[in-house]
């Protein structure tokens, strides 16, 4: 009778154990994943670079995985609304987040995000970079970055238009000021488009905007590019030197774009998504399309991307604290 009771208890305990989370705290993977549509949440409005990138990756991912991939735009609060939505989603691989470097900047700008950028997300893959560019009106007397730095004097700061407070372009200008001692004064705009319009019209002496946004105006002769912020020259404008090439050693700010999932998403799901997206980004047609939009295609392991995000959160938090940047 005792042995019969022990056997009965074992049969009851075994299913419970198999239904529990893995020792790492991750949810168990559904062997049939994906068995229904996947949603990619984009934290910006439709039509922007991050949205277009998500739709390009999503369409290819749908063809590869055999399930619909839906892009859902949830803009607002510099991306925090969409990020919180995904942080609170079930960790099953069916709700993903497409973000850019603003995700790593926000922790230093907002006191109450409603989520933890380091603890509530699992990185999937970095898919692309896009640099910013320091640009001036075509008729400007500033022909090089040295000219701009020499014009940025105490008591007579050089104004620069950015795509908004706390954007990578804002921080690119602040990083240059701190690295060189130049006196630069940010003029924040509600997006790169309005900033470009005023710089091209000569309303602001210099702009720091995404290279992809500025490229058409540079090609049309309405803007002159002084430097790109990336560690290497951009394929989009290969004749434009980097900031570091022009004597500012160690300067680099590349705006990355990538996919995240809720924390505790099964490692097997993360790796399956990583492999699928890496395959997509490696395809010549995808690379050509990304470069046409101003992106430099990239790839990474999930852990490499996680480390990069955490390192950027730390360095941007230190930078925003040093300039007293707070949004709430």
C-alpha atoms as a PDB file:
ATOM      1  CA  UNK A   1       0.000   0.000   0.000  1.00  0.00           C
ATOM      2  CA  UNK A   2       2.873   2.368   0.875  1.00  0.00           C
ATOM      3  CA  UNK A   3       4.581   1.729  -2.466  1.00  0.00           C
ATOM      4  CA  UNK A   4       1.316   2.324  -4.292  1.00  0.00           C
ATOM      5  CA  UNK A   5       0.888   5.677  -2.513  1.00  0.00           C
ATOM      6  CA  UNK A   6       4.465   6.749  -3.372  1.00  0.00           C
ATOM      7  CA  UNK A   7       3.937   5.839  -7.025  1.00  0.00           C
ATOM      8  CA  UNK A   8       0.687   7.816  -7.125  1.00  0.00           C
ATOM      9  CA  UNK A   9       2.382  10.895  -5.629  1.00  0.00           C
ATOM     10  CA  UNK A  10       5.215  10.641  -8.160  1.00  0.00           C
ATOM     11  CA  UNK A  11       2.720  10.625 -11.012  1.00  0.00           C
ATOM     12  CA  UNK A  12       1.074  13.765  -9.599  1.00  0.00           C
ATOM     13  CA  UNK A  13       4.348  15.626  -9.045  1.00  0.00           C
ATOM     14  CA  UNK A  14       5.921  14.838 -12.439  1.00  0.00           C
ATOM     15  CA  UNK A  15       3.449  16.832 -14.588  1.00  0.00           C
ATOM     16  CA  UNK A  16       3.668  19.777 -12.209  1.00  0.00           C
ATOM     17  CA  UNK A  17       7.436  19.818 -12.442  1.00  0.00           C
ATOM     18  CA  UNK A  18       7.385  19.637 -16.221  1.00  0.00           C
ATOM     19  CA  UNK A  19       4.989  22.610 -16.421  1.00  0.00           C
ATOM     20  CA  UNK A  20       7.137  24.864 -14.279  1.00  0.00           C
ATOM     21  CA  UNK A  21       9.646  27.454 -15.465  1.00  0.00           C
ATOM     22  CA  UNK A  22      13.192  26.502 -16.288  1.00  0.00           C
ATOM     23  CA  UNK A  23      15.857  26.943 -13.571  1.00  0.00           C
ATOM     24  CA  UNK A  24      16.836  30.267 -15.172  1.00  0.00           C
ATOM     25  CA  UNK A  25      13.337  31.647 -14.637  1.00  0.00           C
ATOM     26  CA  UNK A  26      12.520  31.467 -18.328  1.00  0.00           C
ATOM     27  CA  UNK A  27       9.142  30.262 -19.559  1.00  0.00           C
ATOM     28  CA  UNK A  28       9.212  26.861 -21.270  1.00  0.00           C
ATOM     29  CA  UNK A  29       9.421  26.968 -25.068  1.00  0.00           C
ATOM     30  CA  UNK A  30       6.477  25.854 -27.158  1.00  0.00           C
ATOM     31  CA  UNK A  31       7.940  23.198 -29.462  1.00  0.00           C
ATOM     32  CA  UNK A  32       5.697  24.454 -32.280  1.00  0.00           C
ATOM     33  CA  UNK A  33       6.904  28.087 -31.989  1.00  0.00           C
ATOM     34  CA  UNK A  34       5.721  30.126 -33.712  1.00  0.00           C
ATOM     35  CA  UNK A  35       2.215  28.698 -33.740  1.00  0.00           C
ATOM     36  CA  UNK A  36       0.354  31.999 -34.222  1.00  0.00           C
ATOM     37  CA  UNK A  37       1.094  35.611 -35.333  1.00  0.00           C
ATOM     38  CA  UNK A  38       3.982  37.611 -33.876  1.00  0.00           C
ATOM     39  CA  UNK A  39       3.649  41.309 -33.069  1.00  0.00           C
ATOM     40  CA  UNK A  40       6.551  43.747 -33.352  1.00  0.00           C
ATOM     41  CA  UNK A  41       5.853  46.898 -31.349  1.00  0.00           C
ATOM     42  CA  UNK A  42       7.508  50.049 -32.710  1.00  0.00           C
ATOM     43  CA  UNK A  43       7.831  52.962 -30.302  1.00  0.00           C
ATOM     44  CA  UNK A  44       7.681  55.620 -33.031  1.00  0.00           C
ATOM     45  CA  UNK A  45       4.991  56.732 -35.528  1.00  0.00           C
ATOM     46  CA  UNK A  46       4.602  55.060 -38.939  1.00  0.00           C
ATOM     47  CA  UNK A  47       6.936  56.155 -41.709  1.00  0.00           C
ATOM     48  CA  UNK A  48      10.090  56.803 -39.682  1.00  0.00           C
ATOM     49  CA  UNK A  49      13.344  54.910 -40.016  1.00  0.00           C
ATOM     50  CA  UNK A  50      12.692  52.529 -37.122  1.00  0.00           C
ATOM     51  CA  UNK A  51       9.195  51.762 -38.401  1.00  0.00           C
ATOM     52  CA  UNK A  52      10.404  51.086 -41.950  1.00  0.00           C
ATOM     53  CA  UNK A  53      13.133  48.840 -40.609  1.00  0.00           C
ATOM     54  CA  UNK A  54      10.652  46.863 -38.508  1.00  0.00           C
ATOM     55  CA  UNK A  55       8.341  46.391 -41.486  1.00  0.00           C
ATOM     56  CA  UNK A  56      11.179  45.229 -43.712  1.00  0.00           C
ATOM     57  CA  UNK A  57      12.417  42.701 -41.128  1.00  0.00           C
ATOM     58  CA  UNK A  58       8.851  41.687 -40.234  1.00  0.00           C
ATOM     59  CA  UNK A  59       7.870  40.881 -43.820  1.00  0.00           C
ATOM     60  CA  UNK A  60      10.920  38.679 -44.300  1.00  0.00           C
ATOM     61  CA  UNK A  61      10.468  37.045 -40.913  1.00  0.00           C
ATOM     62  CA  UNK A  62       6.875  36.191 -41.819  1.00  0.00           C
ATOM     63  CA  UNK A  63       8.023  34.432 -44.989  1.00  0.00           C
ATOM     64  CA  UNK A  64      10.734  32.549 -43.131  1.00  0.00           C
ATOM     65  CA  UNK A  65       8.744  31.423 -40.079  1.00  0.00           C
ATOM     66  CA  UNK A  66       5.431  30.804 -41.812  1.00  0.00           C
ATOM     67  CA  UNK A  67       3.396  32.959 -39.439  1.00  0.00           C
ATOM     68  CA  UNK A  68       2.038  36.492 -39.818  1.00  0.00           C
ATOM     69  CA  UNK A  69       4.213  39.240 -38.343  1.00  0.00           C
ATOM     70  CA  UNK A  70       2.250  42.368 -37.463  1.00  0.00           C
ATOM     71  CA  UNK A  71       3.900  45.748 -36.819  1.00  0.00           C
ATOM     72  CA  UNK A  72       2.069  47.797 -34.187  1.00  0.00           C
ATOM     73  CA  UNK A  73       3.015  51.446 -33.650  1.00  0.00           C
ATOM     74  CA  UNK A  74       2.843  52.623 -30.031  1.00  0.00           C
ATOM     75  CA  UNK A  75       4.534  56.045 -29.994  1.00  0.00           C
ATOM     76  CA  UNK A  76       4.685  58.405 -27.054  1.00  0.00           C
ATOM     77  CA  UNK A  77       6.891  59.439 -24.111  1.00  0.00           C
ATOM     78  CA  UNK A  78      10.074  58.994 -26.181  1.00  0.00           C
ATOM     79  CA  UNK A  79       9.261  55.328 -26.706  1.00  0.00           C
ATOM     80  CA  UNK A  80       8.447  54.478 -23.095  1.00  0.00           C
ATOM     81  CA  UNK A  81       4.777  53.667 -23.741  1.00  0.00           C
ATOM     82  CA  UNK A  82       5.548  50.945 -26.261  1.00  0.00           C
ATOM     83  CA  UNK A  83       8.459  49.618 -24.212  1.00  0.00           C
ATOM     84  CA  UNK A  84       6.305  49.248 -21.110  1.00  0.00           C
ATOM     85  CA  UNK A  85       3.679  47.386 -23.134  1.00  0.00           C
ATOM     86  CA  UNK A  86       6.248  44.804 -24.218  1.00  0.00           C
ATOM     87  CA  UNK A  87       7.846  44.597 -20.764  1.00  0.00           C
ATOM     88  CA  UNK A  88       4.461  43.507 -19.397  1.00  0.00           C
ATOM     89  CA  UNK A  89       3.668  41.085 -22.254  1.00  0.00           C
ATOM     90  CA  UNK A  90       3.845  37.305 -21.781  1.00  0.00           C
ATOM     91  CA  UNK A  91       7.437  36.094 -22.276  1.00  0.00           C
ATOM     92  CA  UNK A  92       6.554  33.681 -25.058  1.00  0.00           C
ATOM     93  CA  UNK A  93       8.188  35.215 -28.131  1.00  0.00           C
ATOM     94  CA  UNK A  94       4.964  36.530 -29.645  1.00  0.00           C
ATOM     95  CA  UNK A  95       5.443  40.182 -28.626  1.00  0.00           C
ATOM     96  CA  UNK A  96       8.716  41.835 -29.622  1.00  0.00           C
ATOM     97  CA  UNK A  97      10.034  45.406 -29.451  1.00  0.00           C
ATOM     98  CA  UNK A  98      11.924  47.257 -32.184  1.00  0.00           C
ATOM     99  CA  UNK A  99      13.957  50.056 -30.634  1.00  0.00           C
ATOM    100  CA  UNK A 100      16.904  52.306 -31.326  1.00  0.00           C
ATOM    101  CA  UNK A 101      19.498  53.961 -29.095  1.00  0.00           C
ATOM    102  CA  UNK A 102      16.846  56.164 -27.481  1.00  0.00           C
ATOM    103  CA  UNK A 103      15.946  53.079 -25.431  1.00  0.00           C
ATOM    104  CA  UNK A 104      19.365  53.335 -23.747  1.00  0.00           C
ATOM    105  CA  UNK A 105      19.154  57.116 -23.307  1.00  0.00           C
ATOM    106  CA  UNK A 106      15.730  57.237 -21.641  1.00  0.00           C
ATOM    107  CA  UNK A 107      16.795  55.722 -18.279  1.00  0.00           C
ATOM    108  CA  UNK A 108      18.984  58.759 -17.650  1.00  0.00           C
ATOM    109  CA  UNK A 109      16.278  61.214 -18.717  1.00  0.00           C
ATOM    110  CA  UNK A 110      13.098  59.829 -17.129  1.00  0.00           C
ATOM    111  CA  UNK A 111      12.869  59.071 -13.410  1.00  0.00           C
ATOM    112  CA  UNK A 112       9.804  56.855 -13.680  1.00  0.00           C
ATOM    113  CA  UNK A 113       9.857  54.654 -16.758  1.00  0.00           C
ATOM    114  CA  UNK A 114       7.423  52.105 -15.363  1.00  0.00           C
ATOM    115  CA  UNK A 115       9.831  49.300 -16.271  1.00  0.00           C
ATOM    116  CA  UNK A 116      13.500  48.371 -15.930  1.00  0.00           C
ATOM    117  CA  UNK A 117      15.404  48.541 -19.238  1.00  0.00           C
ATOM    118  CA  UNK A 118      18.075  46.193 -17.903  1.00  0.00           C
ATOM    119  CA  UNK A 119      15.899  43.664 -16.104  1.00  0.00           C
ATOM    120  CA  UNK A 120      12.628  43.527 -18.040  1.00  0.00           C
ATOM    121  CA  UNK A 121      13.981  42.754 -21.519  1.00  0.00           C
ATOM    122  CA  UNK A 122      15.998  40.094 -23.287  1.00  0.00           C
ATOM    123  CA  UNK A 123      17.976  41.276 -26.300  1.00  0.00           C
ATOM    124  CA  UNK A 124      17.350  39.367 -29.528  1.00  0.00           C
ATOM    125  CA  UNK A 125      19.588  40.949 -32.175  1.00  0.00           C
ATOM    126  CA  UNK A 126      21.053  44.223 -33.377  1.00  0.00           C
ATOM    127  CA  UNK A 127      20.136  44.668 -37.044  1.00  0.00           C
ATOM    128  CA  UNK A 128      21.444  48.055 -38.169  1.00  0.00           C
ATOM    129  CA  UNK A 129      23.335  51.218 -37.351  1.00  0.00           C
ATOM    130  CA  UNK A 130      22.834  54.743 -38.631  1.00  0.00           C
ATOM    131  CA  UNK A 131      25.196  57.603 -37.736  1.00  0.00           C
ATOM    132  CA  UNK A 132      24.359  61.220 -37.217  1.00  0.00           C
ATOM    133  CA  UNK A 133      26.051  63.974 -39.176  1.00  0.00           C
ATOM    134  CA  UNK A 134      27.190  67.474 -38.284  1.00  0.00           C
ATOM    135  CA  UNK A 135      25.981  69.645 -41.157  1.00  0.00           C
ATOM    136  CA  UNK A 136      25.842  73.349 -41.976  1.00  0.00           C
ATOM    137  CA  UNK A 137      24.003  75.405 -44.620  1.00  0.00           C
ATOM    138  CA  UNK A 138      25.628  75.272 -48.059  1.00  0.00           C
ATOM    139  CA  UNK A 139      26.570  78.953 -47.851  1.00  0.00           C
ATOM    140  CA  UNK A 140      28.078  78.735 -44.367  1.00  0.00           C
ATOM    141  CA  UNK A 141      31.620  80.023 -43.773  1.00  0.00           C
ATOM    142  CA  UNK A 142      32.215  76.820 -41.772  1.00  0.00           C
ATOM    143  CA  UNK A 143      33.899  74.311 -44.089  1.00  0.00           C
ATOM    144  CA  UNK A 144      35.360  71.831 -41.595  1.00  0.00           C
ATOM    145  CA  UNK A 145      34.649  70.571 -38.116  1.00  0.00           C
ATOM    146  CA  UNK A 146      37.671  72.570 -36.914  1.00  0.00           C
ATOM    147  CA  UNK A 147      36.013  75.717 -38.290  1.00  0.00           C
ATOM    148  CA  UNK A 148      32.886  74.954 -36.289  1.00  0.00           C
ATOM    149  CA  UNK A 149      34.813  74.247 -33.093  1.00  0.00           C
ATOM    150  CA  UNK A 150      36.824  77.441 -33.507  1.00  0.00           C
ATOM    151  CA  UNK A 151      33.599  79.434 -33.884  1.00  0.00           C
ATOM    152  CA  UNK A 152      32.123  77.993 -30.682  1.00  0.00           C
ATOM    153  CA  UNK A 153      33.467  80.507 -28.189  1.00  0.00           C
ATOM    154  CA  UNK A 154      32.629  81.424 -24.574  1.00  0.00           C
ATOM    155  CA  UNK A 155      30.068  84.185 -24.598  1.00  0.00           C
ATOM    156  CA  UNK A 156      29.286  83.388 -28.229  1.00  0.00           C
ATOM    157  CA  UNK A 157      28.174  79.754 -28.337  1.00  0.00           C
ATOM    158  CA  UNK A 158      27.579  78.031 -31.638  1.00  0.00           C
ATOM    159  CA  UNK A 159      23.932  76.914 -31.833  1.00  0.00           C
ATOM    160  CA  UNK A 160      23.164  73.477 -33.224  1.00  0.00           C
ATOM    161  CA  UNK A 161      19.762  72.097 -34.152  1.00  0.00           C
ATOM    162  CA  UNK A 162      18.989  68.615 -32.855  1.00  0.00           C
ATOM    163  CA  UNK A 163      16.110  66.216 -33.414  1.00  0.00           C
ATOM    164  CA  UNK A 164      14.902  66.850 -29.852  1.00  0.00           C
ATOM    165  CA  UNK A 165      15.908  66.812 -26.205  1.00  0.00           C
ATOM    166  CA  UNK A 166      17.482  63.527 -25.189  1.00  0.00           C
ATOM    167  CA  UNK A 167      17.836  62.202 -28.738  1.00  0.00           C
ATOM    168  CA  UNK A 168      21.095  60.629 -29.930  1.00  0.00           C
ATOM    169  CA  UNK A 169      21.659  63.779 -31.982  1.00  0.00           C
ATOM    170  CA  UNK A 170      21.366  65.986 -28.886  1.00  0.00           C
ATOM    171  CA  UNK A 171      23.862  63.794 -27.049  1.00  0.00           C
ATOM    172  CA  UNK A 172      26.197  63.748 -30.069  1.00  0.00           C
ATOM    173  CA  UNK A 173      26.493  67.523 -29.794  1.00  0.00           C
ATOM    174  CA  UNK A 174      26.976  67.408 -26.026  1.00  0.00           C
ATOM    175  CA  UNK A 175      29.654  64.721 -26.382  1.00  0.00           C
ATOM    176  CA  UNK A 176      31.545  66.875 -28.885  1.00  0.00           C
ATOM    177  CA  UNK A 177      31.364  69.895 -26.589  1.00  0.00           C
ATOM    178  CA  UNK A 178      32.729  67.935 -23.642  1.00  0.00           C
ATOM    179  CA  UNK A 179      35.459  66.283 -25.663  1.00  0.00           C
ATOM    180  CA  UNK A 180      36.757  69.533 -27.167  1.00  0.00           C
ATOM    181  CA  UNK A 181      35.778  72.334 -24.787  1.00  0.00           C
ATOM    182  CA  UNK A 182      33.761  74.012 -27.543  1.00  0.00           C
ATOM    183  CA  UNK A 183      30.727  76.002 -26.434  1.00  0.00           C
ATOM    184  CA  UNK A 184      27.751  74.525 -28.270  1.00  0.00           C
ATOM    185  CA  UNK A 185      24.126  75.477 -27.613  1.00  0.00           C
ATOM    186  CA  UNK A 186      21.429  72.968 -28.476  1.00  0.00           C
ATOM    187  CA  UNK A 187      18.287  74.137 -30.281  1.00  0.00           C
ATOM    188  CA  UNK A 188      15.848  71.218 -29.890  1.00  0.00           C
ATOM    189  CA  UNK A 189      13.295  70.438 -32.598  1.00  0.00           C
ATOM    190  CA  UNK A 190      10.394  67.995 -32.721  1.00  0.00           C
ATOM    191  CA  UNK A 191      12.140  65.618 -35.068  1.00  0.00           C
ATOM    192  CA  UNK A 192      14.998  65.665 -37.569  1.00  0.00           C
ATOM    193  CA  UNK A 193      12.780  66.945 -40.406  1.00  0.00           C
ATOM    194  CA  UNK A 194      12.055  70.379 -38.906  1.00  0.00           C
ATOM    195  CA  UNK A 195      15.674  70.687 -37.758  1.00  0.00           C
ATOM    196  CA  UNK A 196      16.921  70.026 -41.286  1.00  0.00           C
ATOM    197  CA  UNK A 197      14.540  72.597 -42.757  1.00  0.00           C
ATOM    198  CA  UNK A 198      15.840  75.376 -40.519  1.00  0.00           C
ATOM    199  CA  UNK A 199      19.505  74.478 -40.938  1.00  0.00           C
ATOM    200  CA  UNK A 200      19.184  74.389 -44.735  1.00  0.00           C
ATOM    201  CA  UNK A 201      17.447  77.783 -44.587  1.00  0.00           C
ATOM    202  CA  UNK A 202      20.255  79.244 -42.494  1.00  0.00           C
ATOM    203  CA  UNK A 203      18.090  79.736 -39.416  1.00  0.00           C
ATOM    204  CA  UNK A 204      20.532  77.720 -37.289  1.00  0.00           C
ATOM    205  CA  UNK A 205      24.296  77.673 -37.810  1.00  0.00           C
ATOM    206  CA  UNK A 206      24.697  73.906 -37.596  1.00  0.00           C
ATOM    207  CA  UNK A 207      22.602  70.777 -37.252  1.00  0.00           C
ATOM    208  CA  UNK A 208      23.177  67.322 -35.825  1.00  0.00           C
ATOM    209  CA  UNK A 209      20.741  64.998 -37.567  1.00  0.00           C
ATOM    210  CA  UNK A 210      20.588  61.415 -38.770  1.00  0.00           C
ATOM    211  CA  UNK A 211      22.746  60.853 -41.826  1.00  0.00           C
ATOM    212  CA  UNK A 212      19.867  59.165 -43.653  1.00  0.00           C
ATOM    213  CA  UNK A 213      17.659  62.243 -43.180  1.00  0.00           C
ATOM    214  CA  UNK A 214      20.362  64.690 -44.240  1.00  0.00           C
ATOM    215  CA  UNK A 215      21.700  62.750 -47.239  1.00  0.00           C
ATOM    216  CA  UNK A 216      19.182  64.072 -49.834  1.00  0.00           C
ATOM    217  CA  UNK A 217      19.827  67.699 -48.857  1.00  0.00           C
ATOM    218  CA  UNK A 218      23.587  67.148 -48.869  1.00  0.00           C
ATOM    219  CA  UNK A 219      23.364  65.541 -52.321  1.00  0.00           C
ATOM    220  CA  UNK A 220      21.228  68.466 -53.540  1.00  0.00           C
ATOM    221  CA  UNK A 221      23.848  70.971 -52.409  1.00  0.00           C
ATOM    222  CA  UNK A 222      21.650  72.547 -49.725  1.00  0.00           C
ATOM    223  CA  UNK A 223      23.733  71.288 -46.804  1.00  0.00           C
ATOM    224  CA  UNK A 224      27.449  70.713 -46.286  1.00  0.00           C
ATOM    225  CA  UNK A 225      28.460  67.734 -44.156  1.00  0.00           C
ATOM    226  CA  UNK A 226      31.324  68.345 -41.728  1.00  0.00           C
ATOM    227  CA  UNK A 227      31.592  65.000 -39.941  1.00  0.00           C
ATOM    228  CA  UNK A 228      29.767  61.785 -39.152  1.00  0.00           C
ATOM    229  CA  UNK A 229      29.505  60.516 -35.587  1.00  0.00           C
ATOM    230  CA  UNK A 230      30.154  56.826 -36.283  1.00  0.00           C
ATOM    231  CA  UNK A 231      33.493  55.144 -35.513  1.00  0.00           C
ATOM    232  CA  UNK A 232      33.936  54.466 -39.250  1.00  0.00           C
ATOM    233  CA  UNK A 233      32.825  56.430 -42.298  1.00  0.00           C
ATOM    234  CA  UNK A 234      29.270  55.857 -43.399  1.00  0.00           C
ATOM    235  CA  UNK A 235      28.669  54.001 -46.697  1.00  0.00           C
ATOM    236  CA  UNK A 236      25.928  56.571 -47.270  1.00  0.00           C
ATOM    237  CA  UNK A 237      28.491  59.419 -47.464  1.00  0.00           C
ATOM    238  CA  UNK A 238      31.945  57.839 -47.743  1.00  0.00           C
ATOM    239  CA  UNK A 239      33.751  61.120 -48.451  1.00  0.00           C
ATOM    240  CA  UNK A 240      32.681  62.655 -45.131  1.00  0.00           C
ATOM    241  CA  UNK A 241      35.262  62.061 -42.374  1.00  0.00           C
ATOM    242  CA  UNK A 242      34.353  60.904 -38.889  1.00  0.00           C
ATOM    243  CA  UNK A 243      34.664  63.144 -35.849  1.00  0.00           C
ATOM    244  CA  UNK A 244      37.481  60.923 -34.563  1.00  0.00           C
ATOM    245  CA  UNK A 245      39.384  61.250 -37.854  1.00  0.00           C
ATOM    246  CA  UNK A 246      39.417  65.005 -37.322  1.00  0.00           C
ATOM    247  CA  UNK A 247      41.309  64.845 -34.056  1.00  0.00           C
ATOM    248  CA  UNK A 248      38.663  64.024 -31.438  1.00  0.00           C
ATOM    249  CA  UNK A 249      40.127  60.714 -30.316  1.00  0.00           C
ATOM    250  CA  UNK A 250      37.682  58.075 -29.098  1.00  0.00           C
ATOM    251  CA  UNK A 251      34.591  59.956 -30.233  1.00  0.00           C
ATOM    252  CA  UNK A 252      31.877  57.601 -31.495  1.00  0.00           C
ATOM    253  CA  UNK A 253      28.098  57.564 -31.392  1.00  0.00           C
ATOM    254  CA  UNK A 254      26.295  55.189 -33.714  1.00  0.00           C
ATOM    255  CA  UNK A 255      22.525  54.902 -33.416  1.00  0.00           C
ATOM    256  CA  UNK A 256      21.714  51.188 -33.285  1.00  0.00           C
ATOM    257  CA  UNK A 257      18.404  49.492 -34.064  1.00  0.00           C
ATOM    258  CA  UNK A 258      17.388  46.079 -32.818  1.00  0.00           C
ATOM    259  CA  UNK A 259      14.817  43.671 -31.450  1.00  0.00           C
ATOM    260  CA  UNK A 260      14.048  42.937 -27.807  1.00  0.00           C
ATOM    261  CA  UNK A 261      11.709  40.452 -26.121  1.00  0.00           C
ATOM    262  CA  UNK A 262      10.268  40.382 -22.606  1.00  0.00           C
ATOM    263  CA  UNK A 263      12.643  39.029 -19.983  1.00  0.00           C
ATOM    264  CA  UNK A 264      12.207  35.297 -19.252  1.00  0.00           C
ATOM    265  CA  UNK A 265      11.438  34.575 -22.900  1.00  0.00           C
ATOM    266  CA  UNK A 266      12.835  31.059 -23.436  1.00  0.00           C
ATOM    267  CA  UNK A 267      16.448  31.050 -24.574  1.00  0.00           C
ATOM    268  CA  UNK A 268      15.522  28.660 -27.386  1.00  0.00           C
ATOM    269  CA  UNK A 269      12.993  31.196 -28.732  1.00  0.00           C
ATOM    270  CA  UNK A 270      15.545  34.026 -28.514  1.00  0.00           C
ATOM    271  CA  UNK A 271      18.090  31.949 -30.409  1.00  0.00           C
ATOM    272  CA  UNK A 272      15.554  30.903 -33.056  1.00  0.00           C
ATOM    273  CA  UNK A 273      14.600  34.539 -33.666  1.00  0.00           C
ATOM    274  CA  UNK A 274      18.242  35.617 -33.660  1.00  0.00           C
ATOM    275  CA  UNK A 275      19.155  33.026 -36.299  1.00  0.00           C
ATOM    276  CA  UNK A 276      16.143  33.900 -38.458  1.00  0.00           C
ATOM    277  CA  UNK A 277      16.782  37.657 -38.417  1.00  0.00           C
ATOM    278  CA  UNK A 278      20.541  37.225 -38.912  1.00  0.00           C
ATOM    279  CA  UNK A 279      19.783  35.188 -42.032  1.00  0.00           C
ATOM    280  CA  UNK A 280      17.453  37.920 -43.293  1.00  0.00           C
ATOM    281  CA  UNK A 281      19.992  40.706 -42.723  1.00  0.00           C
ATOM    282  CA  UNK A 282      22.725  38.712 -44.466  1.00  0.00           C
ATOM    283  CA  UNK A 283      20.748  38.515 -47.710  1.00  0.00           C
ATOM    284  CA  UNK A 284      22.011  40.851 -50.470  1.00  0.00           C
ATOM    285  CA  UNK A 285      18.557  42.276 -51.243  1.00  0.00           C
ATOM    286  CA  UNK A 286      17.977  43.150 -47.581  1.00  0.00           C
ATOM    287  CA  UNK A 287      21.409  44.744 -47.275  1.00  0.00           C
ATOM    288  CA  UNK A 288      20.829  46.796 -50.421  1.00  0.00           C
ATOM    289  CA  UNK A 289      17.426  47.965 -49.166  1.00  0.00           C
ATOM    290  CA  UNK A 290      18.820  48.937 -45.763  1.00  0.00           C
ATOM    291  CA  UNK A 291      21.721  50.863 -47.273  1.00  0.00           C
ATOM    292  CA  UNK A 292      19.294  52.681 -49.584  1.00  0.00           C
ATOM    293  CA  UNK A 293      17.435  53.844 -46.469  1.00  0.00           C
ATOM    294  CA  UNK A 294      20.687  55.007 -44.867  1.00  0.00           C
ATOM    295  CA  UNK A 295      21.308  52.056 -42.565  1.00  0.00           C
ATOM    296  CA  UNK A 296      24.490  50.070 -42.170  1.00  0.00           C
ATOM    297  CA  UNK A 297      23.382  46.438 -41.805  1.00  0.00           C
ATOM    298  CA  UNK A 298      24.577  44.733 -38.622  1.00  0.00           C
ATOM    299  CA  UNK A 299      24.265  41.468 -36.776  1.00  0.00           C
ATOM    300  CA  UNK A 300      25.071  40.178 -33.306  1.00  0.00           C
ATOM    301  CA  UNK A 301      24.443  37.382 -30.894  1.00  0.00           C
ATOM    302  CA  UNK A 302      21.715  38.084 -28.378  1.00  0.00           C
ATOM    303  CA  UNK A 303      24.280  38.326 -25.581  1.00  0.00           C
ATOM    304  CA  UNK A 304      26.482  40.740 -27.533  1.00  0.00           C
ATOM    305  CA  UNK A 305      23.492  43.005 -28.109  1.00  0.00           C
ATOM    306  CA  UNK A 306      22.484  42.770 -24.441  1.00  0.00           C
ATOM    307  CA  UNK A 307      25.991  43.832 -23.369  1.00  0.00           C
ATOM    308  CA  UNK A 308      25.993  46.747 -25.816  1.00  0.00           C
ATOM    309  CA  UNK A 309      22.621  48.005 -24.568  1.00  0.00           C
ATOM    310  CA  UNK A 310      23.670  47.824 -20.916  1.00  0.00           C
ATOM    311  CA  UNK A 311      26.963  49.609 -21.650  1.00  0.00           C
ATOM    312  CA  UNK A 312      25.103  52.372 -23.514  1.00  0.00           C
ATOM    313  CA  UNK A 313      22.589  52.756 -20.672  1.00  0.00           C
ATOM    314  CA  UNK A 314      25.493  53.329 -18.277  1.00  0.00           C
ATOM    315  CA  UNK A 315      27.368  55.816 -20.462  1.00  0.00           C
ATOM    316  CA  UNK A 316      24.291  57.791 -21.486  1.00  0.00           C
ATOM    317  CA  UNK A 317      23.048  57.949 -17.902  1.00  0.00           C
ATOM    318  CA  UNK A 318      26.382  59.449 -16.879  1.00  0.00           C
ATOM    319  CA  UNK A 319      26.238  61.949 -19.765  1.00  0.00           C
ATOM    320  CA  UNK A 320      22.655  63.076 -19.156  1.00  0.00           C
ATOM    321  CA  UNK A 321      23.442  63.485 -15.442  1.00  0.00           C
ATOM    322  CA  UNK A 322      26.464  65.659 -16.287  1.00  0.00           C
ATOM    323  CA  UNK A 323      24.342  68.041 -18.372  1.00  0.00           C
ATOM    324  CA  UNK A 324      21.379  67.970 -15.988  1.00  0.00           C
ATOM    325  CA  UNK A 325      18.961  66.584 -18.574  1.00  0.00           C
ATOM    326  CA  UNK A 326      15.651  65.502 -17.044  1.00  0.00           C
ATOM    327  CA  UNK A 327      12.242  65.226 -18.661  1.00  0.00           C
ATOM    328  CA  UNK A 328      10.149  64.674 -15.522  1.00  0.00           C
END
